[in-house]
């Protein structure tokens, strides 16, 4: 349930980004798709490079946020990144994990930290360093995690949360993102198209 997210608010701020950030609408084209970013698997890649035949999944994330890595009473969402990436690969959907936490580069969100976490957690896909939070600003990304799913035409079909239970994957009742991926690949409109993204604020400053 969404109420289960609230308990984690004591561990970290859940503040929205400045009001001037865009709110990417369902049906909107993916922004900044040609922006090159450093990838932990080597070289630099853009969203255009990563997109698959059937679309693209973008997840803004970080390495130290309790909503991502978990806490004493919650497993967090990062353990679901790998399986999601594997499922997307089988459906020819590209996956881009994006770290935009500029103010925490020396606190666990640096590039070497990203490389380590990527290997330890078997993330899959690409993990990109968003220098200057340029991509996050273009998307209006507000939290870690914050999910954006695009179809084969790079149009937004789903945004928000991965599922309804950050505490336990086994107790998820609403796998929103998985359902959205399935609907999209089958040529259907996800239901819902938007859920509430909850997590740590993207640390721009």
N, C-alpha and C. Protein backbone atom coordinates (compact mmCIF):
# COMPACT_ATOMS: atom_id res chain seq x y z
N UNK A 1 0.84 -1.20 0.00
CA UNK A 1 0.00 0.00 0.00
C UNK A 1 0.88 1.25 0.00
N UNK A 2 0.32 2.33 -0.55
CA UNK A 2 1.08 3.57 -0.58
C UNK A 2 1.42 4.06 0.81
N UNK A 3 0.55 3.76 1.77
CA UNK A 3 0.81 4.22 3.14
C UNK A 3 2.10 3.66 3.68
N UNK A 4 2.53 2.51 3.15
CA UNK A 4 3.76 1.88 3.65
C UNK A 4 4.98 2.72 3.31
N UNK A 5 4.86 3.59 2.29
CA UNK A 5 5.98 4.45 1.93
C UNK A 5 6.24 5.49 3.01
N UNK A 6 5.18 5.92 3.66
CA UNK A 6 5.28 7.07 4.55
C UNK A 6 6.24 6.84 5.70
N UNK A 7 6.31 5.59 6.18
CA UNK A 7 7.18 5.29 7.31
C UNK A 7 8.63 5.65 7.05
N UNK A 8 9.06 5.55 5.80
CA UNK A 8 10.45 5.84 5.49
C UNK A 8 10.75 7.33 5.46
N UNK A 9 9.75 8.15 5.57
CA UNK A 9 9.99 9.60 5.52
C UNK A 9 10.88 10.07 6.66
N UNK A 10 10.91 9.32 7.75
CA UNK A 10 11.74 9.71 8.88
C UNK A 10 13.22 9.57 8.58
N UNK A 11 13.56 8.78 7.56
CA UNK A 11 14.96 8.53 7.25
C UNK A 11 15.56 9.56 6.30
N UNK A 12 14.70 10.23 5.51
CA UNK A 12 15.23 11.13 4.51
C UNK A 12 14.17 12.10 4.04
N UNK A 13 14.58 13.21 3.51
CA UNK A 13 13.63 14.21 3.04
C UNK A 13 12.93 13.73 1.78
N UNK A 14 11.67 14.09 1.64
CA UNK A 14 10.91 13.81 0.44
C UNK A 14 10.44 15.14 -0.10
N UNK A 15 11.35 15.94 -0.54
CA UNK A 15 11.02 17.28 -1.00
C UNK A 15 11.04 17.33 -2.51
N UNK A 16 10.06 18.02 -3.07
CA UNK A 16 10.01 18.17 -4.51
C UNK A 16 11.11 19.11 -4.98
N UNK A 17 11.46 18.94 -6.22
CA UNK A 17 12.43 19.84 -6.84
C UNK A 17 11.78 21.21 -7.01
N UNK A 18 12.56 22.24 -7.34
CA UNK A 18 12.01 23.58 -7.50
C UNK A 18 10.82 23.60 -8.45
N UNK A 19 9.91 24.51 -8.21
CA UNK A 19 8.65 24.56 -8.94
C UNK A 19 8.83 24.80 -10.43
N UNK A 20 9.98 25.33 -10.82
CA UNK A 20 10.18 25.58 -12.25
C UNK A 20 10.52 24.33 -13.05
N UNK A 21 10.75 23.21 -12.38
CA UNK A 21 11.01 21.97 -13.10
C UNK A 21 9.79 21.55 -13.90
N UNK A 22 9.99 20.96 -15.08
CA UNK A 22 8.85 20.51 -15.88
C UNK A 22 8.17 19.31 -15.24
N UNK A 23 6.93 19.09 -15.63
CA UNK A 23 6.19 17.90 -15.22
C UNK A 23 5.86 17.16 -16.51
N UNK A 24 6.69 16.20 -16.86
CA UNK A 24 6.58 15.53 -18.14
C UNK A 24 5.22 14.82 -18.25
N UNK A 25 4.47 15.16 -19.28
CA UNK A 25 3.12 14.64 -19.44
C UNK A 25 3.12 13.30 -20.16
N UNK A 26 2.15 12.46 -19.83
CA UNK A 26 1.97 11.22 -20.57
C UNK A 26 1.74 11.58 -22.04
N UNK A 27 2.46 10.88 -22.91
CA UNK A 27 2.39 11.16 -24.33
C UNK A 27 3.49 12.08 -24.83
N UNK A 28 4.23 12.69 -23.89
CA UNK A 28 5.31 13.60 -24.27
C UNK A 28 6.50 12.81 -24.79
N UNK A 29 7.27 13.44 -25.66
CA UNK A 29 8.49 12.82 -26.18
C UNK A 29 9.58 12.85 -25.13
N UNK A 30 10.41 11.83 -25.13
CA UNK A 30 11.54 11.79 -24.19
C UNK A 30 12.46 12.98 -24.45
N UNK A 31 12.81 13.73 -23.42
CA UNK A 31 13.68 14.89 -23.61
C UNK A 31 15.16 14.53 -23.55
N UNK A 32 15.99 15.40 -24.10
CA UNK A 32 17.45 15.29 -23.98
C UNK A 32 17.98 13.92 -24.37
N UNK A 33 17.41 13.33 -25.41
CA UNK A 33 17.77 11.95 -25.76
C UNK A 33 19.17 11.83 -26.36
N UNK A 34 19.76 12.94 -26.76
CA UNK A 34 21.10 12.87 -27.36
C UNK A 34 22.19 13.32 -26.39
N UNK A 35 21.82 13.63 -25.17
CA UNK A 35 22.81 14.01 -24.16
C UNK A 35 23.70 12.83 -23.82
N UNK A 36 25.00 12.97 -24.00
CA UNK A 36 25.94 11.90 -23.69
C UNK A 36 26.32 11.95 -22.21
N UNK A 37 26.29 10.80 -21.58
CA UNK A 37 26.63 10.68 -20.16
C UNK A 37 27.58 9.50 -19.96
N UNK A 38 28.43 9.62 -18.98
CA UNK A 38 29.38 8.56 -18.65
C UNK A 38 28.63 7.34 -18.11
N UNK A 39 28.95 6.17 -18.66
CA UNK A 39 28.27 4.93 -18.31
C UNK A 39 29.23 4.03 -17.53
N UNK A 40 28.76 3.41 -16.46
CA UNK A 40 29.63 2.56 -15.66
C UNK A 40 30.14 1.35 -16.43
N UNK A 41 29.45 0.97 -17.49
CA UNK A 41 29.90 -0.20 -18.25
C UNK A 41 30.91 0.19 -19.33
N UNK A 42 31.27 1.48 -19.37
CA UNK A 42 32.29 1.95 -20.29
C UNK A 42 31.78 2.95 -21.30
N UNK A 43 32.59 3.97 -21.56
CA UNK A 43 32.24 4.96 -22.57
C UNK A 43 31.16 5.91 -22.13
N UNK A 44 30.61 6.62 -23.10
CA UNK A 44 29.51 7.55 -22.87
C UNK A 44 28.34 7.14 -23.75
N UNK A 45 27.15 7.24 -23.20
CA UNK A 45 25.95 6.87 -23.94
C UNK A 45 24.85 7.90 -23.71
N UNK A 46 23.97 7.98 -24.67
CA UNK A 46 22.78 8.81 -24.56
C UNK A 46 21.56 7.90 -24.45
N UNK A 47 20.42 8.47 -24.10
CA UNK A 47 19.19 7.68 -24.06
C UNK A 47 18.87 7.12 -25.45
N UNK A 48 19.19 7.90 -26.48
CA UNK A 48 18.96 7.43 -27.85
C UNK A 48 19.79 6.19 -28.13
N UNK A 49 21.02 6.15 -27.62
CA UNK A 49 21.89 4.98 -27.80
C UNK A 49 21.33 3.75 -27.10
N UNK A 50 20.70 3.97 -25.95
CA UNK A 50 20.28 2.87 -25.08
C UNK A 50 18.91 2.33 -25.44
N UNK A 51 18.05 3.16 -26.00
CA UNK A 51 16.68 2.75 -26.31
C UNK A 51 16.66 1.49 -27.15
N UNK A 52 15.69 0.62 -26.84
CA UNK A 52 15.54 -0.62 -27.59
C UNK A 52 14.46 -0.52 -28.65
N UNK A 53 14.28 -1.58 -29.35
CA UNK A 53 13.28 -1.63 -30.44
C UNK A 53 11.88 -1.32 -29.92
N UNK A 54 11.60 -1.74 -28.69
CA UNK A 54 10.25 -1.57 -28.14
C UNK A 54 10.14 -0.47 -27.07
N UNK A 55 11.22 0.27 -26.85
CA UNK A 55 11.10 1.37 -25.91
C UNK A 55 12.28 1.54 -24.99
N UNK A 56 12.05 2.31 -23.95
CA UNK A 56 13.12 2.67 -23.01
C UNK A 56 12.56 2.89 -21.61
N UNK A 57 13.24 2.31 -20.64
CA UNK A 57 12.92 2.54 -19.23
C UNK A 57 14.02 3.38 -18.61
N UNK A 58 13.63 4.50 -18.00
CA UNK A 58 14.58 5.38 -17.32
C UNK A 58 14.20 5.42 -15.84
N UNK A 59 15.19 5.13 -14.98
CA UNK A 59 14.97 5.22 -13.54
C UNK A 59 16.03 6.12 -12.94
N UNK A 60 15.62 7.24 -12.38
CA UNK A 60 16.54 8.11 -11.64
C UNK A 60 16.73 7.48 -10.27
N UNK A 61 17.99 7.32 -9.86
CA UNK A 61 18.29 6.58 -8.65
C UNK A 61 19.53 7.14 -7.98
N UNK A 62 19.92 6.52 -6.88
CA UNK A 62 21.12 6.93 -6.15
C UNK A 62 21.66 5.77 -5.36
N UNK A 63 22.80 5.98 -4.71
CA UNK A 63 23.47 4.90 -4.00
C UNK A 63 23.29 4.90 -2.49
N UNK A 64 22.75 5.98 -1.92
CA UNK A 64 22.67 6.04 -0.47
C UNK A 64 21.27 6.34 0.06
N UNK A 65 20.32 6.53 -0.82
CA UNK A 65 18.94 6.80 -0.40
C UNK A 65 18.30 5.55 0.19
N UNK A 66 17.70 5.64 1.39
CA UNK A 66 17.06 4.47 2.00
C UNK A 66 15.93 3.88 1.17
N UNK A 67 15.25 4.69 0.37
CA UNK A 67 14.20 4.15 -0.48
C UNK A 67 14.78 3.26 -1.58
N UNK A 68 16.03 3.47 -1.93
CA UNK A 68 16.72 2.66 -2.93
C UNK A 68 17.42 1.47 -2.27
N UNK A 69 18.28 1.75 -1.30
CA UNK A 69 19.14 0.70 -0.74
C UNK A 69 18.53 -0.03 0.44
N UNK A 70 17.43 0.51 0.98
CA UNK A 70 16.79 -0.12 2.12
C UNK A 70 17.24 0.46 3.45
N UNK A 71 16.63 -0.05 4.52
CA UNK A 71 16.92 0.41 5.87
C UNK A 71 16.68 -0.75 6.83
N UNK A 72 16.66 -0.48 8.11
CA UNK A 72 16.51 -1.55 9.08
C UNK A 72 15.22 -2.35 8.89
N UNK A 73 14.16 -1.68 8.44
CA UNK A 73 12.88 -2.37 8.30
C UNK A 73 12.36 -2.37 6.86
N UNK A 74 13.24 -2.13 5.91
CA UNK A 74 12.79 -2.10 4.52
C UNK A 74 13.92 -2.57 3.60
N UNK A 75 13.58 -3.37 2.59
CA UNK A 75 14.62 -3.86 1.67
C UNK A 75 14.97 -2.84 0.60
N UNK A 76 14.10 -1.83 0.41
CA UNK A 76 14.36 -0.84 -0.63
C UNK A 76 14.08 -1.40 -2.01
N UNK A 77 14.22 -0.54 -3.05
CA UNK A 77 13.86 -0.93 -4.41
C UNK A 77 15.02 -1.42 -5.26
N UNK A 78 16.27 -1.22 -4.84
CA UNK A 78 17.37 -1.52 -5.75
C UNK A 78 17.46 -3.00 -6.11
N UNK A 79 17.01 -3.88 -5.26
CA UNK A 79 17.03 -5.30 -5.56
C UNK A 79 16.10 -5.67 -6.71
N UNK A 80 15.23 -4.76 -7.10
CA UNK A 80 14.29 -5.03 -8.19
C UNK A 80 14.80 -4.51 -9.53
N UNK A 81 15.89 -3.72 -9.49
CA UNK A 81 16.42 -3.17 -10.73
C UNK A 81 16.91 -4.26 -11.68
N UNK A 82 17.67 -5.22 -11.14
CA UNK A 82 18.23 -6.28 -11.97
C UNK A 82 17.16 -7.10 -12.68
N UNK A 83 16.19 -7.63 -11.93
CA UNK A 83 15.11 -8.37 -12.58
C UNK A 83 14.33 -7.54 -13.59
N UNK A 84 14.11 -6.26 -13.28
CA UNK A 84 13.42 -5.40 -14.23
C UNK A 84 14.24 -5.26 -15.52
N UNK A 85 15.55 -5.06 -15.36
CA UNK A 85 16.41 -4.92 -16.53
C UNK A 85 16.41 -6.19 -17.36
N UNK A 86 16.44 -7.34 -16.69
CA UNK A 86 16.40 -8.60 -17.40
C UNK A 86 15.11 -8.77 -18.18
N UNK A 87 13.99 -8.42 -17.56
CA UNK A 87 12.71 -8.52 -18.23
C UNK A 87 12.62 -7.57 -19.41
N UNK A 88 13.16 -6.38 -19.24
CA UNK A 88 13.16 -5.41 -20.34
C UNK A 88 14.02 -5.89 -21.50
N UNK A 89 15.17 -6.46 -21.19
CA UNK A 89 16.05 -6.96 -22.24
C UNK A 89 15.35 -8.03 -23.08
N UNK A 90 14.60 -8.90 -22.43
CA UNK A 90 13.89 -9.96 -23.15
C UNK A 90 12.78 -9.40 -24.03
N UNK A 91 12.33 -8.19 -23.70
CA UNK A 91 11.27 -7.54 -24.48
C UNK A 91 11.82 -6.46 -25.40
N UNK A 92 13.14 -6.39 -25.50
CA UNK A 92 13.83 -5.42 -26.36
C UNK A 92 13.48 -3.97 -25.96
N UNK A 93 13.55 -3.75 -24.66
CA UNK A 93 13.38 -2.41 -24.09
C UNK A 93 14.69 -2.02 -23.44
N UNK A 94 15.26 -0.88 -23.80
CA UNK A 94 16.49 -0.42 -23.18
C UNK A 94 16.27 0.05 -21.76
N UNK A 95 17.31 -0.02 -20.94
CA UNK A 95 17.22 0.40 -19.54
C UNK A 95 18.34 1.37 -19.21
N UNK A 96 17.98 2.52 -18.68
CA UNK A 96 18.95 3.51 -18.24
C UNK A 96 18.67 3.89 -16.79
N UNK A 97 19.58 3.52 -15.91
CA UNK A 97 19.56 4.02 -14.54
C UNK A 97 20.39 5.30 -14.54
N UNK A 98 19.92 6.32 -13.85
CA UNK A 98 20.56 7.62 -13.93
C UNK A 98 20.81 8.18 -12.53
N UNK A 99 22.05 8.59 -12.26
CA UNK A 99 22.40 9.19 -10.98
C UNK A 99 22.65 10.68 -11.19
N UNK A 100 21.78 11.52 -10.64
CA UNK A 100 21.84 12.97 -10.81
C UNK A 100 22.20 13.70 -9.53
N UNK A 101 22.65 12.96 -8.51
CA UNK A 101 22.89 13.53 -7.19
C UNK A 101 24.23 14.26 -7.10
N UNK A 102 24.33 15.41 -7.74
CA UNK A 102 25.59 16.15 -7.80
C UNK A 102 26.14 16.53 -6.43
N UNK A 103 25.27 16.87 -5.49
CA UNK A 103 25.76 17.34 -4.19
C UNK A 103 26.26 16.20 -3.31
N UNK A 104 26.11 14.95 -3.75
CA UNK A 104 26.53 13.80 -2.95
C UNK A 104 27.60 12.97 -3.65
N UNK A 105 28.31 13.56 -4.60
CA UNK A 105 29.31 12.79 -5.33
C UNK A 105 30.42 12.28 -4.41
N UNK A 106 30.72 13.04 -3.35
CA UNK A 106 31.77 12.62 -2.43
C UNK A 106 31.20 11.94 -1.18
N UNK A 107 29.91 11.59 -1.23
CA UNK A 107 29.25 10.96 -0.09
C UNK A 107 28.66 9.59 -0.45
N UNK A 108 29.04 9.06 -1.61
CA UNK A 108 28.55 7.75 -2.01
C UNK A 108 27.90 7.71 -3.37
N UNK A 109 27.74 8.87 -3.99
CA UNK A 109 27.13 8.92 -5.32
C UNK A 109 28.13 9.29 -6.41
N UNK A 110 29.40 9.05 -6.16
CA UNK A 110 30.43 9.28 -7.17
C UNK A 110 30.47 8.16 -8.19
N UNK A 111 31.23 8.36 -9.25
CA UNK A 111 31.25 7.38 -10.34
C UNK A 111 31.81 6.03 -9.90
N UNK A 112 32.86 6.03 -9.09
CA UNK A 112 33.41 4.76 -8.60
C UNK A 112 32.39 4.02 -7.73
N UNK A 113 31.63 4.77 -6.95
CA UNK A 113 30.57 4.17 -6.14
C UNK A 113 29.50 3.55 -7.04
N UNK A 114 29.18 4.25 -8.11
CA UNK A 114 28.19 3.75 -9.06
C UNK A 114 28.65 2.44 -9.69
N UNK A 115 29.92 2.39 -10.07
CA UNK A 115 30.46 1.17 -10.65
C UNK A 115 30.38 0.00 -9.67
N UNK A 116 30.73 0.27 -8.42
CA UNK A 116 30.70 -0.78 -7.40
C UNK A 116 29.28 -1.29 -7.16
N UNK A 117 28.34 -0.37 -6.98
CA UNK A 117 26.95 -0.75 -6.72
C UNK A 117 26.36 -1.52 -7.90
N UNK A 118 26.67 -1.07 -9.10
CA UNK A 118 26.17 -1.73 -10.31
C UNK A 118 26.57 -3.21 -10.32
N UNK A 119 27.82 -3.48 -9.97
CA UNK A 119 28.31 -4.86 -9.96
C UNK A 119 27.73 -5.64 -8.78
N UNK A 120 27.75 -5.03 -7.60
CA UNK A 120 27.27 -5.72 -6.41
C UNK A 120 25.80 -6.10 -6.52
N UNK A 121 25.01 -5.22 -7.10
CA UNK A 121 23.57 -5.43 -7.16
C UNK A 121 23.09 -6.05 -8.47
N UNK A 122 24.04 -6.31 -9.40
CA UNK A 122 23.67 -6.92 -10.69
C UNK A 122 22.55 -6.16 -11.37
N UNK A 123 22.76 -4.84 -11.50
CA UNK A 123 21.71 -3.98 -12.02
C UNK A 123 21.28 -4.34 -13.43
N UNK A 124 22.19 -4.47 -14.35
CA UNK A 124 21.84 -4.64 -15.75
C UNK A 124 21.53 -3.29 -16.39
N UNK A 125 21.49 -3.27 -17.71
CA UNK A 125 21.28 -2.02 -18.43
C UNK A 125 22.49 -1.10 -18.28
N UNK A 126 22.27 0.18 -18.40
CA UNK A 126 23.31 1.19 -18.23
C UNK A 126 23.06 1.97 -16.95
N UNK A 127 24.16 2.43 -16.32
CA UNK A 127 24.05 3.29 -15.15
C UNK A 127 24.85 4.55 -15.48
N UNK A 128 24.15 5.66 -15.60
CA UNK A 128 24.71 6.89 -16.16
C UNK A 128 24.93 7.97 -15.12
N UNK A 129 26.05 8.67 -15.25
CA UNK A 129 26.36 9.82 -14.40
C UNK A 129 25.81 11.07 -15.07
N UNK A 130 24.79 11.65 -14.46
CA UNK A 130 24.15 12.85 -15.00
C UNK A 130 24.83 14.08 -14.41
N UNK A 131 25.91 14.50 -15.05
CA UNK A 131 26.70 15.63 -14.55
C UNK A 131 25.89 16.93 -14.66
N UNK A 132 25.83 17.66 -13.54
CA UNK A 132 25.07 18.91 -13.53
C UNK A 132 23.57 18.69 -13.51
N UNK A 133 23.14 17.47 -13.19
CA UNK A 133 21.73 17.06 -13.17
C UNK A 133 20.95 17.56 -14.39
N UNK A 134 21.62 17.57 -15.54
CA UNK A 134 21.00 18.07 -16.76
C UNK A 134 19.81 17.22 -17.20
N UNK A 135 19.99 15.90 -17.18
CA UNK A 135 18.90 15.02 -17.60
C UNK A 135 17.75 15.08 -16.60
N UNK A 136 18.07 15.08 -15.32
CA UNK A 136 17.03 15.16 -14.29
C UNK A 136 16.20 16.43 -14.45
N UNK A 137 16.86 17.52 -14.77
CA UNK A 137 16.14 18.78 -14.97
C UNK A 137 15.24 18.71 -16.20
N UNK A 138 15.73 18.10 -17.26
CA UNK A 138 14.94 17.99 -18.49
C UNK A 138 13.69 17.12 -18.26
N UNK A 139 13.85 16.08 -17.44
CA UNK A 139 12.72 15.18 -17.15
C UNK A 139 11.81 15.72 -16.05
N UNK A 140 12.34 16.62 -15.23
CA UNK A 140 11.61 17.02 -14.04
C UNK A 140 11.65 15.93 -12.98
N UNK A 141 12.73 15.15 -12.97
CA UNK A 141 12.88 14.07 -11.99
C UNK A 141 12.99 14.67 -10.60
N UNK A 142 12.23 14.16 -9.68
CA UNK A 142 12.15 14.75 -8.35
C UNK A 142 12.65 13.84 -7.24
N UNK A 143 12.61 12.54 -7.44
CA UNK A 143 12.95 11.61 -6.36
C UNK A 143 13.84 10.48 -6.87
N UNK A 144 14.47 9.80 -5.91
CA UNK A 144 15.15 8.55 -6.20
C UNK A 144 14.46 7.46 -5.37
N UNK A 145 13.79 6.51 -6.07
CA UNK A 145 13.69 6.43 -7.53
C UNK A 145 12.55 7.27 -8.10
N UNK A 146 12.64 7.54 -9.39
CA UNK A 146 11.57 8.15 -10.18
C UNK A 146 11.62 7.49 -11.55
N UNK A 147 10.53 6.87 -11.93
CA UNK A 147 10.47 5.99 -13.11
C UNK A 147 9.78 6.68 -14.28
N UNK A 148 10.35 6.49 -15.50
CA UNK A 148 9.75 6.99 -16.73
C UNK A 148 9.87 5.88 -17.79
N UNK A 149 8.74 5.45 -18.34
CA UNK A 149 8.71 4.39 -19.35
C UNK A 149 8.23 4.97 -20.68
N UNK A 150 9.04 4.75 -21.73
CA UNK A 150 8.73 5.26 -23.06
C UNK A 150 8.51 4.11 -24.03
N UNK A 151 7.59 4.32 -24.98
CA UNK A 151 7.30 3.29 -25.96
C UNK A 151 8.29 3.33 -27.13
N UNK A 152 8.03 2.56 -28.15
CA UNK A 152 8.95 2.46 -29.28
C UNK A 152 9.11 3.77 -30.04
N UNK A 153 8.15 4.66 -29.87
CA UNK A 153 8.23 5.98 -30.49
C UNK A 153 8.82 7.02 -29.54
N UNK A 154 9.32 6.56 -28.40
CA UNK A 154 9.91 7.41 -27.37
C UNK A 154 8.90 8.41 -26.81
N UNK A 155 7.66 7.94 -26.67
CA UNK A 155 6.61 8.72 -26.04
C UNK A 155 6.35 8.14 -24.64
N UNK A 156 6.15 9.02 -23.67
CA UNK A 156 5.97 8.59 -22.29
C UNK A 156 4.63 7.88 -22.11
N UNK A 157 4.68 6.66 -21.56
CA UNK A 157 3.45 5.90 -21.34
C UNK A 157 3.18 5.64 -19.86
N UNK A 158 4.22 5.74 -19.03
CA UNK A 158 4.04 5.53 -17.59
C UNK A 158 5.11 6.30 -16.83
N UNK A 159 4.73 6.87 -15.69
CA UNK A 159 5.70 7.52 -14.81
C UNK A 159 5.26 7.36 -13.37
N UNK A 160 6.26 7.36 -12.47
CA UNK A 160 5.95 7.29 -11.05
C UNK A 160 6.80 6.30 -10.29
N UNK A 161 6.15 5.36 -9.64
CA UNK A 161 6.82 4.40 -8.75
C UNK A 161 6.96 3.04 -9.42
N UNK A 162 7.86 2.23 -8.88
CA UNK A 162 8.06 0.86 -9.37
C UNK A 162 6.88 -0.03 -8.98
N UNK A 163 6.51 0.04 -7.72
CA UNK A 163 5.39 -0.75 -7.22
C UNK A 163 4.91 -0.12 -5.91
N UNK A 164 4.04 -0.81 -5.20
CA UNK A 164 3.40 -0.22 -4.02
C UNK A 164 4.02 -0.65 -2.70
N UNK A 165 5.18 -1.31 -2.72
CA UNK A 165 5.74 -1.78 -1.45
C UNK A 165 7.26 -1.72 -1.44
N UNK A 166 7.81 -0.62 -0.97
CA UNK A 166 9.25 -0.47 -0.88
C UNK A 166 9.86 -1.41 0.15
N UNK A 167 9.06 -1.85 1.10
CA UNK A 167 9.58 -2.69 2.18
C UNK A 167 9.91 -4.10 1.73
N UNK A 168 9.07 -4.67 0.87
CA UNK A 168 9.24 -6.08 0.53
C UNK A 168 8.70 -6.38 -0.87
N UNK A 169 9.55 -6.94 -1.72
CA UNK A 169 9.12 -7.33 -3.06
C UNK A 169 8.07 -8.43 -2.98
N UNK A 170 8.17 -9.28 -1.98
CA UNK A 170 7.23 -10.40 -1.86
C UNK A 170 5.84 -9.94 -1.48
N UNK A 171 5.74 -8.74 -0.90
CA UNK A 171 4.45 -8.25 -0.44
C UNK A 171 3.82 -7.22 -1.39
N UNK A 172 4.41 -7.08 -2.57
CA UNK A 172 3.86 -6.14 -3.56
C UNK A 172 2.49 -6.62 -4.02
N UNK A 173 1.53 -5.72 -4.00
CA UNK A 173 0.19 -6.01 -4.50
C UNK A 173 -0.07 -5.33 -5.84
N UNK A 174 0.64 -4.23 -6.09
CA UNK A 174 0.46 -3.48 -7.33
C UNK A 174 1.81 -3.28 -8.02
N UNK A 175 2.21 -4.19 -8.89
CA UNK A 175 3.47 -4.05 -9.63
C UNK A 175 3.29 -3.10 -10.82
N UNK A 176 3.12 -1.82 -10.53
CA UNK A 176 2.73 -0.85 -11.55
C UNK A 176 3.66 -0.85 -12.77
N UNK A 177 4.95 -0.82 -12.53
CA UNK A 177 5.88 -0.73 -13.64
C UNK A 177 5.85 -2.00 -14.49
N UNK A 178 5.89 -3.16 -13.86
CA UNK A 178 5.83 -4.41 -14.62
C UNK A 178 4.55 -4.48 -15.45
N UNK A 179 3.45 -4.09 -14.85
CA UNK A 179 2.18 -4.10 -15.57
C UNK A 179 2.21 -3.12 -16.74
N UNK A 180 2.83 -1.96 -16.53
CA UNK A 180 2.92 -0.97 -17.60
C UNK A 180 3.77 -1.48 -18.76
N UNK A 181 4.87 -2.16 -18.43
CA UNK A 181 5.73 -2.73 -19.47
C UNK A 181 4.96 -3.76 -20.29
N UNK A 182 4.25 -4.64 -19.61
CA UNK A 182 3.48 -5.67 -20.30
C UNK A 182 2.42 -5.05 -21.20
N UNK A 183 1.69 -4.08 -20.67
CA UNK A 183 0.64 -3.42 -21.46
C UNK A 183 1.24 -2.74 -22.68
N UNK A 184 2.35 -2.03 -22.48
CA UNK A 184 2.98 -1.30 -23.58
C UNK A 184 3.42 -2.25 -24.69
N UNK A 185 4.07 -3.33 -24.33
CA UNK A 185 4.58 -4.28 -25.33
C UNK A 185 3.42 -4.94 -26.08
N UNK A 186 2.29 -5.09 -25.40
CA UNK A 186 1.12 -5.70 -26.04
C UNK A 186 0.28 -4.69 -26.82
N UNK A 187 0.77 -3.45 -26.88
CA UNK A 187 0.06 -2.44 -27.65
C UNK A 187 -1.08 -1.79 -26.92
N UNK A 188 -1.11 -1.93 -25.59
CA UNK A 188 -2.19 -1.36 -24.80
C UNK A 188 -1.69 -0.18 -23.97
N UNK A 189 -2.63 0.61 -23.49
CA UNK A 189 -2.31 1.74 -22.61
C UNK A 189 -2.21 1.24 -21.18
N UNK A 190 -1.10 1.53 -20.49
CA UNK A 190 -1.00 1.10 -19.09
C UNK A 190 -2.12 1.71 -18.24
N UNK A 191 -2.49 0.97 -17.22
CA UNK A 191 -3.49 1.46 -16.27
C UNK A 191 -3.03 1.13 -14.86
N UNK A 192 -2.63 2.11 -14.07
CA UNK A 192 -2.66 3.55 -14.35
C UNK A 192 -1.44 3.98 -15.20
N UNK A 193 -1.51 5.18 -15.73
CA UNK A 193 -0.37 5.74 -16.46
C UNK A 193 0.55 6.52 -15.54
N UNK A 194 0.03 6.91 -14.38
CA UNK A 194 0.81 7.73 -13.44
C UNK A 194 0.56 7.26 -12.02
N UNK A 195 1.64 7.09 -11.25
CA UNK A 195 1.52 6.81 -9.82
C UNK A 195 2.39 7.80 -9.07
N UNK A 196 2.23 7.84 -7.78
CA UNK A 196 2.98 8.78 -6.96
C UNK A 196 4.41 8.31 -6.77
N UNK A 197 5.37 9.08 -7.25
CA UNK A 197 6.78 8.76 -7.03
C UNK A 197 7.18 9.22 -5.63
N UNK A 198 7.75 8.31 -4.87
CA UNK A 198 8.14 8.61 -3.49
C UNK A 198 9.57 8.14 -3.28
N UNK A 199 10.37 8.97 -2.65
CA UNK A 199 11.76 8.63 -2.38
C UNK A 199 12.50 9.82 -1.83
N UNK A 200 13.81 9.72 -1.85
CA UNK A 200 14.65 10.86 -1.47
C UNK A 200 14.61 11.89 -2.59
N UNK A 201 14.74 13.15 -2.24
CA UNK A 201 14.81 14.17 -3.28
C UNK A 201 16.10 14.01 -4.08
N UNK A 202 16.05 14.31 -5.38
CA UNK A 202 17.26 14.36 -6.17
C UNK A 202 18.14 15.46 -5.61
N UNK A 203 19.38 15.13 -5.27
CA UNK A 203 20.26 16.07 -4.57
C UNK A 203 21.02 16.94 -5.56
N UNK A 204 20.35 17.98 -6.02
CA UNK A 204 20.92 18.88 -7.02
C UNK A 204 21.95 19.84 -6.39
N UNK A 205 21.71 20.27 -5.17
CA UNK A 205 22.60 21.25 -4.53
C UNK A 205 23.00 20.77 -3.13
